[in-house]
Every structure is written in structure tokens, then in C-alpha cells.
Amino acid sequence: MPAYPSDRSAEITAALGALPSGTPVSEVARRLMDLFTSGEIEPGTRLPPERQLSLTLGVGRSAVREALAALEILGIVDVRPGSGTYLRGTASDLLPQTLRWGLLIGRRSTDDLLDVRSGLEIYCARLAASRADGADIARLAASLDRMRGAGTDLAAFARADAAFHDALARAAGNDALVDLLHVVRSLLQVYADRAVHDADAARLAVAEHDAVFRAVEARDEDAAASAMAVHMATAAARLAGSSGDA
């Protein structure tokens, strides 16, 4: 790790500015996050010490410490005892963590997340139908075969289901879309893991995935989007029923 250049400390603190008195820890973290994802701070840069950050932001050191601890859990910064706190990754690398943080502290409802996921998955299917190559089609087919072969092993079915959607996102060829889907799926995972809970639901899910696959294979964008819309409608109904939040 290169030595921390002293002039970067002045730049970082100048970019932050003071916060209103009584600002909660979440807002301190937001302010830091805005700076970290601006692209102005290089990965590996050591941040100013807590004392300096607290003076610049006009908040207590405990608020800065808690905010940095939260950002460390999310993988935004690396706190090294006796060395300092360092920024991880580039602005684009931090996108998934940033989105997850914003969604979590916003306390979005399950219904909101299901709506977002549905729109993203439908668009993903449309893009995949226009961009998938032979390797993408093979990955989708292999995942679909694993779903069919899972039988009564619902855990294996869930893994194959996730692999299908991952392969579809990869086929779409849009990294930002992949990141967005990853965040929304991870926030819904607690419900998704138990959404398909019997053989009938599994058979229906296989049929819906097969319709998406056939449309993508045929490079029919409208059919792929329509098939995914049907799947998202039934999947959302199952997830909402599992969450008790609908």
C-alpha cells in the first residue's frame, strides 16, 4: 500500500463540508458514500483520521466511527487497525454496495422490490434475445436441464433457477443491469429461497423458464419479454405470499 499523500487529506475534507447539527449516522455514511462513488478518490487511498473527519463534518467522532464501521461491513472501505481506513475499489466497483446500502436504509417494501425486479428481468430477457451467443444459449440450456432434473430436491432447484437468471443477465451484456439485478435479488433472497415449495410450483417454474429460453434461442425479443413478464407475475405472487408483506 503506497504512503498516504498529505495533500489528499485536504482535498477529501474540503470535498465533504459540514453537516447540520444532530445529523444521524446514516446521513454521515451517505455523505461519505457520495464522495467515494464520485470517482474523485482513487482505490487504495487512505482516508483522513476520524478526528479530522468529525471536525470537517461537524459531528461527533462516534458518528464517524459508526458510519465507517457500517461502510466496512458493506465492503466500501477497509479499516486497518494501526494503519488507517482505505477506500476499496473504483466508483463502478462500489455500485452494488452503494445500491444495497441505499435500499436498505430506505426500508423499501417487498412489493416495491418485486416491481423493480420484474421490470429489470423483463428488460434483461429482451436484451438477451438480441445479444445471446452460442455459449450463452448453452449456459441457459444447462441451467434449465438442472431445474428439470432436480426432482424433489428444492434446494438444487433453487440453485439451478438462480443460475438460469444469472446466465440470462450475462447474455444481456450489460454490467450495470447485472449489478442492479444482483442487488434486488439479494434483498429478496430470504423470500426467494422458499418461494418454490412444492412439485407443482417447480413444474410451473420450469415451463415458464422454458418459454423464456425458447424465445431467447429464437432471438424473438418481444416473445422473450412477454414470457418473462408471465414468469415474473407468478414468481411475484409466490414471493409476496411468502413474505407476508404484500
C-alpha atoms as a PDB file:
ATOM      1  CA  MET A   1       0.000   0.000   0.000  1.00  0.00           C
ATOM      2  CA  PRO A   2       1.555   3.351  -1.017  1.00  0.00           C
ATOM      3  CA  ALA A   3       2.081   6.029   1.599  1.00  0.00           C
ATOM      4  CA  TYR A   4      -0.848   8.350   2.070  1.00  0.00           C
ATOM      5  CA  PRO A   5      -0.069  11.732   0.442  1.00  0.00           C
ATOM      6  CA  SER A   6      -0.775  14.578   2.848  1.00  0.00           C
ATOM      7  CA  ASP A   7      -2.367  16.799   0.182  1.00  0.00           C
ATOM      8  CA  ARG A   8      -5.142  14.255  -0.399  1.00  0.00           C
ATOM      9  CA  SER A   9      -6.349  14.787   3.165  1.00  0.00           C
ATOM     10  CA  ALA A  10      -7.038  18.451   2.463  1.00  0.00           C
ATOM     11  CA  GLU A  11      -8.837  17.593  -0.780  1.00  0.00           C
ATOM     12  CA  ILE A  12     -11.032  14.981   0.864  1.00  0.00           C
ATOM     13  CA  THR A  13     -12.029  17.146   3.797  1.00  0.00           C
ATOM     14  CA  ALA A  14     -12.705  20.120   1.518  1.00  0.00           C
ATOM     15  CA  ALA A  15     -14.985  17.970  -0.632  1.00  0.00           C
ATOM     16  CA  LEU A  16     -17.007  16.777   2.351  1.00  0.00           C
ATOM     17  CA  GLY A  17     -18.077  20.002   4.069  1.00  0.00           C
ATOM     18  CA  ALA A  18     -20.036  20.340   7.308  1.00  0.00           C
ATOM     19  CA  LEU A  19     -23.332  18.616   8.053  1.00  0.00           C
ATOM     20  CA  PRO A  20     -26.216  20.102  10.075  1.00  0.00           C
ATOM     21  CA  SER A  21     -26.069  19.549  13.827  1.00  0.00           C
ATOM     22  CA  GLY A  22     -27.795  16.413  15.030  1.00  0.00           C
ATOM     23  CA  THR A  23     -27.156  14.588  11.759  1.00  0.00           C
ATOM     24  CA  PRO A  24     -27.723  10.805  12.193  1.00  0.00           C
ATOM     25  CA  VAL A  25     -25.063   8.223  11.459  1.00  0.00           C
ATOM     26  CA  SER A  26     -26.863   7.140   8.274  1.00  0.00           C
ATOM     27  CA  GLU A  27     -26.505  10.647   6.858  1.00  0.00           C
ATOM     28  CA  VAL A  28     -22.812  10.726   7.743  1.00  0.00           C
ATOM     29  CA  ALA A  29     -22.432   7.469   5.826  1.00  0.00           C
ATOM     30  CA  ARG A  30     -24.371   8.903   2.887  1.00  0.00           C
ATOM     31  CA  ARG A  31     -22.078  11.916   2.684  1.00  0.00           C
ATOM     32  CA  LEU A  32     -19.002   9.700   2.721  1.00  0.00           C
ATOM     33  CA  MET A  33     -20.592   7.383   0.149  1.00  0.00           C
ATOM     34  CA  ASP A  34     -21.314  10.282  -2.202  1.00  0.00           C
ATOM     35  CA  LEU A  35     -17.644  11.230  -2.148  1.00  0.00           C
ATOM     36  CA  PHE A  36     -16.380   7.661  -2.520  1.00  0.00           C
ATOM     37  CA  THR A  37     -18.537   6.996  -5.599  1.00  0.00           C
ATOM     38  CA  SER A  38     -17.793  10.330  -7.262  1.00  0.00           C
ATOM     39  CA  GLY A  39     -14.687   8.934  -8.924  1.00  0.00           C
ATOM     40  CA  GLU A  40     -12.536  11.645  -7.357  1.00  0.00           C
ATOM     41  CA  ILE A  41     -10.889   9.325  -4.829  1.00  0.00           C
ATOM     42  CA  GLU A  42      -8.639   6.572  -6.129  1.00  0.00           C
ATOM     43  CA  PRO A  43      -8.933   2.988  -4.842  1.00  0.00           C
ATOM     44  CA  GLY A  44      -6.465   2.339  -2.028  1.00  0.00           C
ATOM     45  CA  THR A  45      -6.453   5.952  -0.851  1.00  0.00           C
ATOM     46  CA  ARG A  46      -6.161   6.290   2.895  1.00  0.00           C
ATOM     47  CA  LEU A  47      -8.865   8.497   4.366  1.00  0.00           C
ATOM     48  CA  PRO A  48      -8.260  11.290   6.865  1.00  0.00           C
ATOM     49  CA  PRO A  49      -8.340  10.148  10.512  1.00  0.00           C
ATOM     50  CA  GLU A  50     -11.609  10.063  12.453  1.00  0.00           C
ATOM     51  CA  ARG A  51     -10.771  13.260  14.334  1.00  0.00           C
ATOM     52  CA  GLN A  52     -10.273  15.210  11.125  1.00  0.00           C
ATOM     53  CA  LEU A  53     -13.417  13.781   9.522  1.00  0.00           C
ATOM     54  CA  SER A  54     -15.505  14.603  12.586  1.00  0.00           C
ATOM     55  CA  LEU A  55     -14.241  18.195  12.636  1.00  0.00           C
ATOM     56  CA  THR A  56     -14.877  18.622   8.912  1.00  0.00           C
ATOM     57  CA  LEU A  57     -18.367  17.124   9.038  1.00  0.00           C
ATOM     58  CA  GLY A  58     -19.255  18.849  12.304  1.00  0.00           C
ATOM     59  CA  VAL A  59     -20.322  15.623  14.010  1.00  0.00           C
ATOM     60  CA  GLY A  60     -19.002  13.560  16.888  1.00  0.00           C
ATOM     61  CA  ARG A  61     -16.207  11.059  16.395  1.00  0.00           C
ATOM     62  CA  SER A  62     -18.557   8.251  17.405  1.00  0.00           C
ATOM     63  CA  ALA A  63     -20.842   9.069  14.457  1.00  0.00           C
ATOM     64  CA  VAL A  64     -17.882   8.937  12.070  1.00  0.00           C
ATOM     65  CA  ARG A  65     -16.661   5.699  13.632  1.00  0.00           C
ATOM     66  CA  GLU A  66     -20.097   4.045  13.319  1.00  0.00           C
ATOM     67  CA  ALA A  67     -20.515   5.250   9.741  1.00  0.00           C
ATOM     68  CA  LEU A  68     -17.120   3.850   8.753  1.00  0.00           C
ATOM     69  CA  ALA A  69     -17.923   0.579  10.516  1.00  0.00           C
ATOM     70  CA  ALA A  70     -21.142   0.290   8.513  1.00  0.00           C
ATOM     71  CA  LEU A  71     -19.308   1.033   5.270  1.00  0.00           C
ATOM     72  CA  GLU A  72     -16.700  -1.593   6.142  1.00  0.00           C
ATOM     73  CA  ILE A  73     -19.426  -4.220   6.575  1.00  0.00           C
ATOM     74  CA  LEU A  74     -20.751  -3.293   3.139  1.00  0.00           C
ATOM     75  CA  GLY A  75     -17.279  -3.630   1.634  1.00  0.00           C
ATOM     76  CA  ILE A  76     -16.868   0.056   0.819  1.00  0.00           C
ATOM     77  CA  VAL A  77     -13.822   0.731   2.997  1.00  0.00           C
ATOM     78  CA  ASP A  78     -11.127  -1.333   4.666  1.00  0.00           C
ATOM     79  CA  VAL A  79     -10.381  -0.396   8.281  1.00  0.00           C
ATOM     80  CA  ARG A  80      -6.859  -1.451   9.280  1.00  0.00           C
ATOM     81  CA  PRO A  81      -6.062  -1.048  12.990  1.00  0.00           C
ATOM     82  CA  GLY A  82      -2.877   0.937  13.457  1.00  0.00           C
ATOM     83  CA  SER A  83      -2.776   1.909   9.786  1.00  0.00           C
ATOM     84  CA  GLY A  84      -5.960   3.737   8.843  1.00  0.00           C
ATOM     85  CA  THR A  85      -9.090   3.441   6.734  1.00  0.00           C
ATOM     86  CA  TYR A  86      -8.717   2.833   2.983  1.00  0.00           C
ATOM     87  CA  LEU A  87     -11.150   3.093   0.103  1.00  0.00           C
ATOM     88  CA  ARG A  88     -11.839  -0.151  -1.725  1.00  0.00           C
ATOM     89  CA  GLY A  89     -12.435  -0.340  -5.453  1.00  0.00           C
ATOM     90  CA  THR A  90     -13.314   2.164  -8.145  1.00  0.00           C
ATOM     91  CA  ALA A  91     -16.609   4.034  -8.354  1.00  0.00           C
ATOM     92  CA  SER A  92     -18.048   1.328 -10.646  1.00  0.00           C
ATOM     93  CA  ASP A  93     -16.827  -1.430  -8.316  1.00  0.00           C
ATOM     94  CA  LEU A  94     -18.769   0.182  -5.477  1.00  0.00           C
ATOM     95  CA  LEU A  95     -22.075   0.331  -7.374  1.00  0.00           C
ATOM     96  CA  PRO A  96     -23.646  -2.861  -5.986  1.00  0.00           C
ATOM     97  CA  GLN A  97     -22.723  -1.984  -2.380  1.00  0.00           C
ATOM     98  CA  THR A  98     -23.967   1.577  -2.851  1.00  0.00           C
ATOM     99  CA  LEU A  99     -27.307   0.422  -4.200  1.00  0.00           C
ATOM    100  CA  ARG A 100     -27.736  -2.130  -1.435  1.00  0.00           C
ATOM    101  CA  TRP A 101     -26.975   0.485   1.213  1.00  0.00           C
ATOM    102  CA  GLY A 102     -29.472   2.951  -0.235  1.00  0.00           C
ATOM    103  CA  LEU A 103     -32.213   0.353  -0.498  1.00  0.00           C
ATOM    104  CA  LEU A 104     -31.641  -0.985   2.984  1.00  0.00           C
ATOM    105  CA  ILE A 105     -31.688   2.340   4.795  1.00  0.00           C
ATOM    106  CA  GLY A 106     -34.672   3.395   2.687  1.00  0.00           C
ATOM    107  CA  ARG A 107     -36.634   0.418   4.050  1.00  0.00           C
ATOM    108  CA  ARG A 108     -38.215  -0.399   0.740  1.00  0.00           C
ATOM    109  CA  SER A 109     -41.181  -2.753   0.894  1.00  0.00           C
ATOM    110  CA  THR A 110     -41.125  -6.176  -0.657  1.00  0.00           C
ATOM    111  CA  ASP A 111     -43.781  -5.029  -3.148  1.00  0.00           C
ATOM    112  CA  ASP A 112     -41.504  -2.217  -4.336  1.00  0.00           C
ATOM    113  CA  LEU A 113     -38.586  -4.594  -4.790  1.00  0.00           C
ATOM    114  CA  LEU A 114     -40.738  -7.100  -6.668  1.00  0.00           C
ATOM    115  CA  ASP A 115     -41.875  -4.363  -9.052  1.00  0.00           C
ATOM    116  CA  VAL A 116     -38.261  -3.330  -9.687  1.00  0.00           C
ATOM    117  CA  ARG A 117     -37.095  -6.894 -10.193  1.00  0.00           C
ATOM    118  CA  SER A 118     -39.920  -7.605 -12.626  1.00  0.00           C
ATOM    119  CA  GLY A 119     -39.034  -4.638 -14.821  1.00  0.00           C
ATOM    120  CA  LEU A 120     -35.332  -5.453 -14.781  1.00  0.00           C
ATOM    121  CA  GLU A 121     -35.831  -9.146 -15.575  1.00  0.00           C
ATOM    122  CA  ILE A 122     -38.196  -8.383 -18.461  1.00  0.00           C
ATOM    123  CA  TYR A 123     -35.712  -5.930 -19.970  1.00  0.00           C
ATOM    124  CA  CYS A 124     -32.920  -8.426 -19.365  1.00  0.00           C
ATOM    125  CA  ALA A 125     -34.814 -11.110 -21.309  1.00  0.00           C
ATOM    126  CA  ARG A 126     -35.357  -8.697 -24.196  1.00  0.00           C
ATOM    127  CA  LEU A 127     -31.662  -7.794 -24.354  1.00  0.00           C
ATOM    128  CA  ALA A 128     -30.625 -11.444 -24.068  1.00  0.00           C
ATOM    129  CA  ALA A 129     -32.805 -12.340 -27.051  1.00  0.00           C
ATOM    130  CA  SER A 130     -30.950  -9.814 -29.174  1.00  0.00           C
ATOM    131  CA  ARG A 131     -27.430 -10.402 -27.834  1.00  0.00           C
ATOM    132  CA  ALA A 132     -27.034 -14.010 -26.665  1.00  0.00           C
ATOM    133  CA  ASP A 133     -24.312 -16.024 -28.372  1.00  0.00           C
ATOM    134  CA  GLY A 134     -23.851 -19.780 -28.558  1.00  0.00           C
ATOM    135  CA  ALA A 135     -22.135 -20.001 -25.181  1.00  0.00           C
ATOM    136  CA  ASP A 136     -24.955 -18.049 -23.531  1.00  0.00           C
ATOM    137  CA  ILE A 137     -27.572 -20.359 -25.034  1.00  0.00           C
ATOM    138  CA  ALA A 138     -25.620 -23.370 -23.799  1.00  0.00           C
ATOM    139  CA  ARG A 139     -25.475 -21.979 -20.242  1.00  0.00           C
ATOM    140  CA  LEU A 140     -29.201 -21.283 -20.252  1.00  0.00           C
ATOM    141  CA  ALA A 141     -29.946 -24.772 -21.551  1.00  0.00           C
ATOM    142  CA  ALA A 142     -27.712 -26.386 -18.926  1.00  0.00           C
ATOM    143  CA  SER A 143     -29.412 -24.463 -16.114  1.00  0.00           C
ATOM    144  CA  LEU A 144     -32.832 -25.405 -17.436  1.00  0.00           C
ATOM    145  CA  ASP A 145     -31.799 -29.076 -17.592  1.00  0.00           C
ATOM    146  CA  ARG A 146     -30.670 -28.901 -13.954  1.00  0.00           C
ATOM    147  CA  MET A 147     -34.021 -27.421 -12.984  1.00  0.00           C
ATOM    148  CA  ARG A 148     -35.813 -30.296 -14.717  1.00  0.00           C
ATOM    149  CA  GLY A 149     -33.519 -32.863 -13.107  1.00  0.00           C
ATOM    150  CA  ALA A 150     -33.757 -31.504  -9.567  1.00  0.00           C
ATOM    151  CA  GLY A 151     -36.819 -33.597  -8.816  1.00  0.00           C
ATOM    152  CA  THR A 152     -37.884 -33.166  -5.183  1.00  0.00           C
ATOM    153  CA  ASP A 153     -34.586 -31.503  -4.232  1.00  0.00           C
ATOM    154  CA  LEU A 154     -35.934 -27.962  -3.979  1.00  0.00           C
ATOM    155  CA  ALA A 155     -32.583 -26.554  -2.837  1.00  0.00           C
ATOM    156  CA  ALA A 156     -30.957 -27.858  -6.029  1.00  0.00           C
ATOM    157  CA  PHE A 157     -33.893 -26.471  -7.996  1.00  0.00           C
ATOM    158  CA  ALA A 158     -33.388 -23.024  -6.446  1.00  0.00           C
ATOM    159  CA  ARG A 159     -29.684 -23.067  -7.340  1.00  0.00           C
ATOM    160  CA  ALA A 160     -30.448 -24.019 -10.940  1.00  0.00           C
ATOM    161  CA  ASP A 161     -33.155 -21.337 -11.090  1.00  0.00           C
ATOM    162  CA  ALA A 162     -30.675 -18.690  -9.894  1.00  0.00           C
ATOM    163  CA  ALA A 163     -28.081 -19.942 -12.393  1.00  0.00           C
ATOM    164  CA  PHE A 164     -30.602 -19.525 -15.223  1.00  0.00           C
ATOM    165  CA  HIS A 165     -31.278 -15.907 -14.307  1.00  0.00           C
ATOM    166  CA  ASP A 166     -27.560 -15.249 -13.882  1.00  0.00           C
ATOM    167  CA  ALA A 167     -26.901 -16.699 -17.339  1.00  0.00           C
ATOM    168  CA  LEU A 168     -29.698 -14.586 -18.783  1.00  0.00           C
ATOM    169  CA  ALA A 169     -28.231 -11.441 -17.244  1.00  0.00           C
ATOM    170  CA  ARG A 170     -24.810 -12.347 -18.610  1.00  0.00           C
ATOM    171  CA  ALA A 171     -26.336 -12.845 -22.056  1.00  0.00           C
ATOM    172  CA  ALA A 172     -27.873  -9.358 -21.865  1.00  0.00           C
ATOM    173  CA  GLY A 173     -24.350  -7.944 -21.973  1.00  0.00           C
ATOM    174  CA  ASN A 174     -24.980  -5.004 -19.649  1.00  0.00           C
ATOM    175  CA  ASP A 175     -22.875  -4.853 -16.485  1.00  0.00           C
ATOM    176  CA  ALA A 176     -24.992  -2.127 -14.873  1.00  0.00           C
ATOM    177  CA  LEU A 177     -28.100  -4.261 -15.338  1.00  0.00           C
ATOM    178  CA  VAL A 178     -26.309  -7.239 -13.799  1.00  0.00           C
ATOM    179  CA  ASP A 179     -25.380  -5.145 -10.758  1.00  0.00           C
ATOM    180  CA  LEU A 180     -28.919  -3.853 -10.320  1.00  0.00           C
ATOM    181  CA  LEU A 181     -30.390  -7.341 -10.551  1.00  0.00           C
ATOM    182  CA  HIS A 182     -27.838  -8.700  -8.105  1.00  0.00           C
ATOM    183  CA  VAL A 183     -28.786  -6.097  -5.512  1.00  0.00           C
ATOM    184  CA  VAL A 184     -32.541  -6.575  -5.834  1.00  0.00           C
ATOM    185  CA  ARG A 185     -32.281 -10.366  -5.842  1.00  0.00           C
ATOM    186  CA  SER A 186     -30.064 -10.347  -2.753  1.00  0.00           C
ATOM    187  CA  LEU A 187     -32.574  -8.200  -0.874  1.00  0.00           C
ATOM    188  CA  LEU A 188     -35.359 -10.622  -1.833  1.00  0.00           C
ATOM    189  CA  GLN A 189     -33.309 -13.759  -1.212  1.00  0.00           C
ATOM    190  CA  VAL A 190     -34.806 -14.516   2.191  1.00  0.00           C
ATOM    191  CA  TYR A 191     -38.165 -14.982   0.431  1.00  0.00           C
ATOM    192  CA  ALA A 192     -36.855 -16.410  -2.840  1.00  0.00           C
ATOM    193  CA  ASP A 193     -35.239 -19.331  -1.051  1.00  0.00           C
ATOM    194  CA  ARG A 194     -38.628 -20.645  -0.001  1.00  0.00           C
ATOM    195  CA  ALA A 195     -40.804 -19.410  -2.871  1.00  0.00           C
ATOM    196  CA  VAL A 196     -40.914 -22.723  -4.767  1.00  0.00           C
ATOM    197  CA  HIS A 197     -42.080 -25.069  -2.048  1.00  0.00           C
ATOM    198  CA  ASP A 198     -43.732 -27.968  -3.880  1.00  0.00           C
ATOM    199  CA  ALA A 199     -43.521 -30.043  -7.054  1.00  0.00           C
ATOM    200  CA  ASP A 200     -46.406 -28.244  -8.761  1.00  0.00           C
ATOM    201  CA  ALA A 201     -44.755 -24.851  -8.306  1.00  0.00           C
ATOM    202  CA  ALA A 202     -41.476 -26.288  -9.602  1.00  0.00           C
ATOM    203  CA  ARG A 203     -43.146 -27.715 -12.726  1.00  0.00           C
ATOM    204  CA  LEU A 204     -44.800 -24.365 -13.452  1.00  0.00           C
ATOM    205  CA  ALA A 205     -41.489 -22.544 -12.970  1.00  0.00           C
ATOM    206  CA  VAL A 206     -39.741 -24.934 -15.358  1.00  0.00           C
ATOM    207  CA  ALA A 207     -42.398 -24.326 -18.008  1.00  0.00           C
ATOM    208  CA  GLU A 208     -42.079 -20.576 -17.610  1.00  0.00           C
ATOM    209  CA  HIS A 209     -38.290 -20.678 -17.825  1.00  0.00           C
ATOM    210  CA  ASP A 210     -38.535 -22.940 -20.871  1.00  0.00           C
ATOM    211  CA  ALA A 211     -40.724 -20.340 -22.611  1.00  0.00           C
ATOM    212  CA  VAL A 212     -38.128 -17.649 -21.905  1.00  0.00           C
ATOM    213  CA  PHE A 213     -35.343 -19.917 -23.131  1.00  0.00           C
ATOM    214  CA  ARG A 214     -37.090 -20.793 -26.389  1.00  0.00           C
ATOM    215  CA  ALA A 215     -37.768 -17.138 -27.133  1.00  0.00           C
ATOM    216  CA  VAL A 216     -34.156 -16.165 -26.451  1.00  0.00           C
ATOM    217  CA  GLU A 217     -32.905 -19.064 -28.565  1.00  0.00           C
ATOM    218  CA  ALA A 218     -35.192 -17.908 -31.398  1.00  0.00           C
ATOM    219  CA  ARG A 219     -33.949 -14.319 -30.934  1.00  0.00           C
ATOM    220  CA  ASP A 220     -37.546 -13.145 -30.521  1.00  0.00           C
ATOM    221  CA  GLU A 221     -37.244 -10.105 -28.263  1.00  0.00           C
ATOM    222  CA  ASP A 222     -40.978  -9.500 -27.830  1.00  0.00           C
ATOM    223  CA  ALA A 223     -41.663 -13.142 -27.021  1.00  0.00           C
ATOM    224  CA  ALA A 224     -38.790 -13.238 -24.523  1.00  0.00           C
ATOM    225  CA  ALA A 225     -40.070 -10.131 -22.748  1.00  0.00           C
ATOM    226  CA  SER A 226     -43.639 -11.487 -22.697  1.00  0.00           C
ATOM    227  CA  ALA A 227     -42.545 -14.873 -21.381  1.00  0.00           C
ATOM    228  CA  MET A 228     -40.519 -13.247 -18.617  1.00  0.00           C
ATOM    229  CA  ALA A 229     -43.470 -10.988 -17.744  1.00  0.00           C
ATOM    230  CA  VAL A 230     -45.614 -14.080 -17.232  1.00  0.00           C
ATOM    231  CA  HIS A 231     -42.926 -15.711 -15.096  1.00  0.00           C
ATOM    232  CA  MET A 232     -42.406 -12.568 -13.008  1.00  0.00           C
ATOM    233  CA  ALA A 233     -46.143 -12.309 -12.339  1.00  0.00           C
ATOM    234  CA  THR A 234     -46.362 -15.815 -10.887  1.00  0.00           C
ATOM    235  CA  ALA A 235     -42.996 -15.535  -9.142  1.00  0.00           C
ATOM    236  CA  ALA A 236     -44.000 -12.222  -7.556  1.00  0.00           C
ATOM    237  CA  ALA A 237     -47.238 -13.755  -6.313  1.00  0.00           C
ATOM    238  CA  ARG A 238     -45.294 -16.597  -4.672  1.00  0.00           C
ATOM    239  CA  LEU A 239     -42.713 -14.263  -3.136  1.00  0.00           C
ATOM    240  CA  ALA A 240     -45.327 -11.824  -1.851  1.00  0.00           C
ATOM    241  CA  GLY A 241     -47.215 -14.726  -0.303  1.00  0.00           C
ATOM    242  CA  SER A 242     -44.027 -15.938   1.383  1.00  0.00           C
ATOM    243  CA  SER A 243     -43.134 -12.501   2.751  1.00  0.00           C
ATOM    244  CA  GLY A 244     -46.406 -11.630   4.364  1.00  0.00           C
ATOM    245  CA  ASP A 245     -45.638  -8.079   3.192  1.00  0.00           C
ATOM    246  CA  ALA A 246     -47.977  -7.916   0.219  1.00  0.00           C
END
